[in-house]
Amino acid sequence: MNKENMRQKGAPSPKIVESYCYRLRYDSLCIVATILANNPNPSAAQMNSLLMGVQERLLEGMFFDPELQQGIKNMLLRFQAKTVSQRIQDKRGERRRYQQFTEN
């Protein structure tokens, strides 16, 4: 998807779109959506598991790309570590998003 199409659809600014972390997540979501196109009711666990697997594979490809700078690779690894940590916290029940609405 080019920048012009993204602007027309009300997507984020081009600076965000050019972010490596954004592109990693966006591409992962697009791949998962394509894979699950024939599955009308996937569970949240299925989607999350597939998303993490696809994101991990894309990250591996980026990590072994010789043209990508080491600083960008480190940033992507930190992003993946944070994503995995959040997923573990979700599974343990440590992160409850609905609590922020009920505590006020």
C-alpha atoms as a PDB file:
ATOM      1  CA  MET A   1       0.000   0.000   0.000  1.00  0.00           C
ATOM      2  CA  ASN A   2       1.498   3.313  -1.016  1.00  0.00           C
ATOM      3  CA  LYS A   3       1.516   6.474   1.078  1.00  0.00           C
ATOM      4  CA  GLU A   4      -1.121   8.222  -1.031  1.00  0.00           C
ATOM      5  CA  ASN A   5      -3.650   5.411  -0.586  1.00  0.00           C
ATOM      6  CA  MET A   6      -2.973   5.341   3.155  1.00  0.00           C
ATOM      7  CA  ARG A   7      -3.638   9.078   3.478  1.00  0.00           C
ATOM      8  CA  GLN A   8      -6.895   8.767   1.587  1.00  0.00           C
ATOM      9  CA  LYS A   9      -8.143   6.057   3.934  1.00  0.00           C
ATOM     10  CA  GLY A  10      -7.402   8.092   7.055  1.00  0.00           C
ATOM     11  CA  ALA A  11      -4.362   6.017   7.991  1.00  0.00           C
ATOM     12  CA  PRO A  12      -1.510   7.270  10.197  1.00  0.00           C
ATOM     13  CA  SER A  13       0.970   9.858   9.020  1.00  0.00           C
ATOM     14  CA  PRO A  14       3.797   8.806   6.678  1.00  0.00           C
ATOM     15  CA  LYS A  15       6.364   9.156   9.489  1.00  0.00           C
ATOM     16  CA  ILE A  16       4.607   6.453  11.492  1.00  0.00           C
ATOM     17  CA  VAL A  17       4.165   4.288   8.407  1.00  0.00           C
ATOM     18  CA  GLU A  18       7.907   4.446   7.781  1.00  0.00           C
ATOM     19  CA  SER A  19       8.664   3.269  11.331  1.00  0.00           C
ATOM     20  CA  TYR A  20      10.165  -0.211  11.385  1.00  0.00           C
ATOM     21  CA  CYS A  21       8.116  -1.320  14.400  1.00  0.00           C
ATOM     22  CA  TYR A  22       4.909  -0.080  12.808  1.00  0.00           C
ATOM     23  CA  ARG A  23       5.719  -1.844   9.538  1.00  0.00           C
ATOM     24  CA  LEU A  24       6.578  -5.065  11.347  1.00  0.00           C
ATOM     25  CA  ARG A  25       3.235  -5.054  13.182  1.00  0.00           C
ATOM     26  CA  TYR A  26       1.261  -3.852  10.153  1.00  0.00           C
ATOM     27  CA  ASP A  27       2.733  -6.482   7.843  1.00  0.00           C
ATOM     28  CA  SER A  28       2.148  -9.174  10.457  1.00  0.00           C
ATOM     29  CA  LEU A  29      -1.500  -8.171  10.814  1.00  0.00           C
ATOM     30  CA  CYS A  30      -1.982  -8.141   7.038  1.00  0.00           C
ATOM     31  CA  ILE A  31      -0.512 -11.632   6.708  1.00  0.00           C
ATOM     32  CA  VAL A  32      -2.641 -12.963   9.570  1.00  0.00           C
ATOM     33  CA  ALA A  33      -5.778 -11.397   8.069  1.00  0.00           C
ATOM     34  CA  THR A  34      -5.002 -13.091   4.751  1.00  0.00           C
ATOM     35  CA  ILE A  35      -4.393 -16.449   6.412  1.00  0.00           C
ATOM     36  CA  LEU A  36      -7.620 -16.206   8.432  1.00  0.00           C
ATOM     37  CA  ALA A  37      -9.752 -14.924   5.536  1.00  0.00           C
ATOM     38  CA  ASN A  38     -11.456 -18.307   5.187  1.00  0.00           C
ATOM     39  CA  ASN A  39     -11.958 -18.717   8.936  1.00  0.00           C
ATOM     40  CA  PRO A  40     -14.996 -16.579   9.839  1.00  0.00           C
ATOM     41  CA  ASN A  41     -14.739 -17.003  13.623  1.00  0.00           C
ATOM     42  CA  PRO A  42     -11.168 -17.457  14.803  1.00  0.00           C
ATOM     43  CA  SER A  43     -10.625 -17.339  18.536  1.00  0.00           C
ATOM     44  CA  ALA A  44      -8.579 -14.574  20.096  1.00  0.00           C
ATOM     45  CA  ALA A  45      -6.011 -17.175  21.137  1.00  0.00           C
ATOM     46  CA  GLN A  46      -5.691 -18.412  17.538  1.00  0.00           C
ATOM     47  CA  MET A  47      -5.247 -14.904  16.190  1.00  0.00           C
ATOM     48  CA  ASN A  48      -2.748 -13.927  18.870  1.00  0.00           C
ATOM     49  CA  SER A  49      -0.708 -17.089  18.433  1.00  0.00           C
ATOM     50  CA  LEU A  50      -0.640 -16.716  14.678  1.00  0.00           C
ATOM     51  CA  LEU A  51       0.236 -13.024  14.950  1.00  0.00           C
ATOM     52  CA  MET A  52       3.178 -13.742  17.235  1.00  0.00           C
ATOM     53  CA  GLY A  53       4.439 -16.504  14.949  1.00  0.00           C
ATOM     54  CA  VAL A  54       4.210 -14.376  11.806  1.00  0.00           C
ATOM     55  CA  GLN A  55       5.809 -11.402  13.558  1.00  0.00           C
ATOM     56  CA  GLU A  56       8.633 -13.618  14.780  1.00  0.00           C
ATOM     57  CA  ARG A  57       9.307 -14.925  11.253  1.00  0.00           C
ATOM     58  CA  LEU A  58       9.302 -11.441   9.766  1.00  0.00           C
ATOM     59  CA  LEU A  59      11.661 -10.290  12.495  1.00  0.00           C
ATOM     60  CA  GLU A  60      14.024 -13.165  11.730  1.00  0.00           C
ATOM     61  CA  GLY A  61      14.098 -12.112   8.107  1.00  0.00           C
ATOM     62  CA  MET A  62      14.794  -8.509   9.041  1.00  0.00           C
ATOM     63  CA  PHE A  63      17.437  -9.501  11.549  1.00  0.00           C
ATOM     64  CA  PHE A  64      19.440 -11.448   8.978  1.00  0.00           C
ATOM     65  CA  ASP A  65      19.141  -8.698   6.351  1.00  0.00           C
ATOM     66  CA  PRO A  66      22.715  -7.453   5.851  1.00  0.00           C
ATOM     67  CA  GLU A  67      21.522  -4.030   4.671  1.00  0.00           C
ATOM     68  CA  LEU A  68      19.653  -3.250   7.888  1.00  0.00           C
ATOM     69  CA  GLN A  69      21.673  -1.258  10.427  1.00  0.00           C
ATOM     70  CA  GLN A  70      22.513  -2.874  13.763  1.00  0.00           C
ATOM     71  CA  GLY A  71      20.759  -0.097  15.711  1.00  0.00           C
ATOM     72  CA  ILE A  72      17.506  -0.802  13.880  1.00  0.00           C
ATOM     73  CA  LYS A  73      17.899  -4.528  14.516  1.00  0.00           C
ATOM     74  CA  ASN A  74      18.373  -3.855  18.244  1.00  0.00           C
ATOM     75  CA  MET A  75      15.282  -1.635  18.303  1.00  0.00           C
ATOM     76  CA  LEU A  76      13.221  -4.366  16.607  1.00  0.00           C
ATOM     77  CA  LEU A  77      14.481  -6.960  19.092  1.00  0.00           C
ATOM     78  CA  ARG A  78      13.455  -4.697  21.999  1.00  0.00           C
ATOM     79  CA  PHE A  79      10.040  -4.237  20.381  1.00  0.00           C
ATOM     80  CA  GLN A  80       9.623  -8.002  20.030  1.00  0.00           C
ATOM     81  CA  ALA A  81      10.744  -8.582  23.625  1.00  0.00           C
ATOM     82  CA  LYS A  82       8.185  -6.043  24.854  1.00  0.00           C
ATOM     83  CA  THR A  83       5.469  -7.656  22.732  1.00  0.00           C
ATOM     84  CA  VAL A  84       6.265 -11.129  24.075  1.00  0.00           C
ATOM     85  CA  SER A  85       6.393  -9.808  27.648  1.00  0.00           C
ATOM     86  CA  GLN A  86       2.964  -8.208  27.238  1.00  0.00           C
ATOM     87  CA  ARG A  87       1.563 -11.438  25.813  1.00  0.00           C
ATOM     88  CA  ILE A  88       2.875 -13.395  28.807  1.00  0.00           C
ATOM     89  CA  GLN A  89       1.364 -10.835  31.187  1.00  0.00           C
ATOM     90  CA  ASP A  90      -1.963 -11.155  29.350  1.00  0.00           C
ATOM     91  CA  LYS A  91      -1.901 -14.933  29.697  1.00  0.00           C
ATOM     92  CA  ARG A  92      -1.151 -14.694  33.416  1.00  0.00           C
ATOM     93  CA  GLY A  93      -3.950 -12.214  33.906  1.00  0.00           C
ATOM     94  CA  GLU A  94      -1.599  -9.457  35.063  1.00  0.00           C
ATOM     95  CA  ARG A  95      -2.775  -7.012  32.426  1.00  0.00           C
ATOM     96  CA  ARG A  96      -6.457  -6.324  32.643  1.00  0.00           C
ATOM     97  CA  ARG A  97      -7.424  -3.593  30.230  1.00  0.00           C
ATOM     98  CA  TYR A  98     -10.949  -3.292  31.597  1.00  0.00           C
ATOM     99  CA  GLN A  99      -9.657  -2.351  35.061  1.00  0.00           C
ATOM    100  CA  GLN A 100      -8.752   1.128  33.893  1.00  0.00           C
ATOM    101  CA  PHE A 101     -12.447   1.785  33.216  1.00  0.00           C
ATOM    102  CA  THR A 102     -13.787   0.307  36.453  1.00  0.00           C
ATOM    103  CA  GLU A 103     -11.332   1.856  38.921  1.00  0.00           C
ATOM    104  CA  ASN A 104     -12.482   5.458  38.456  1.00  0.00           C
END
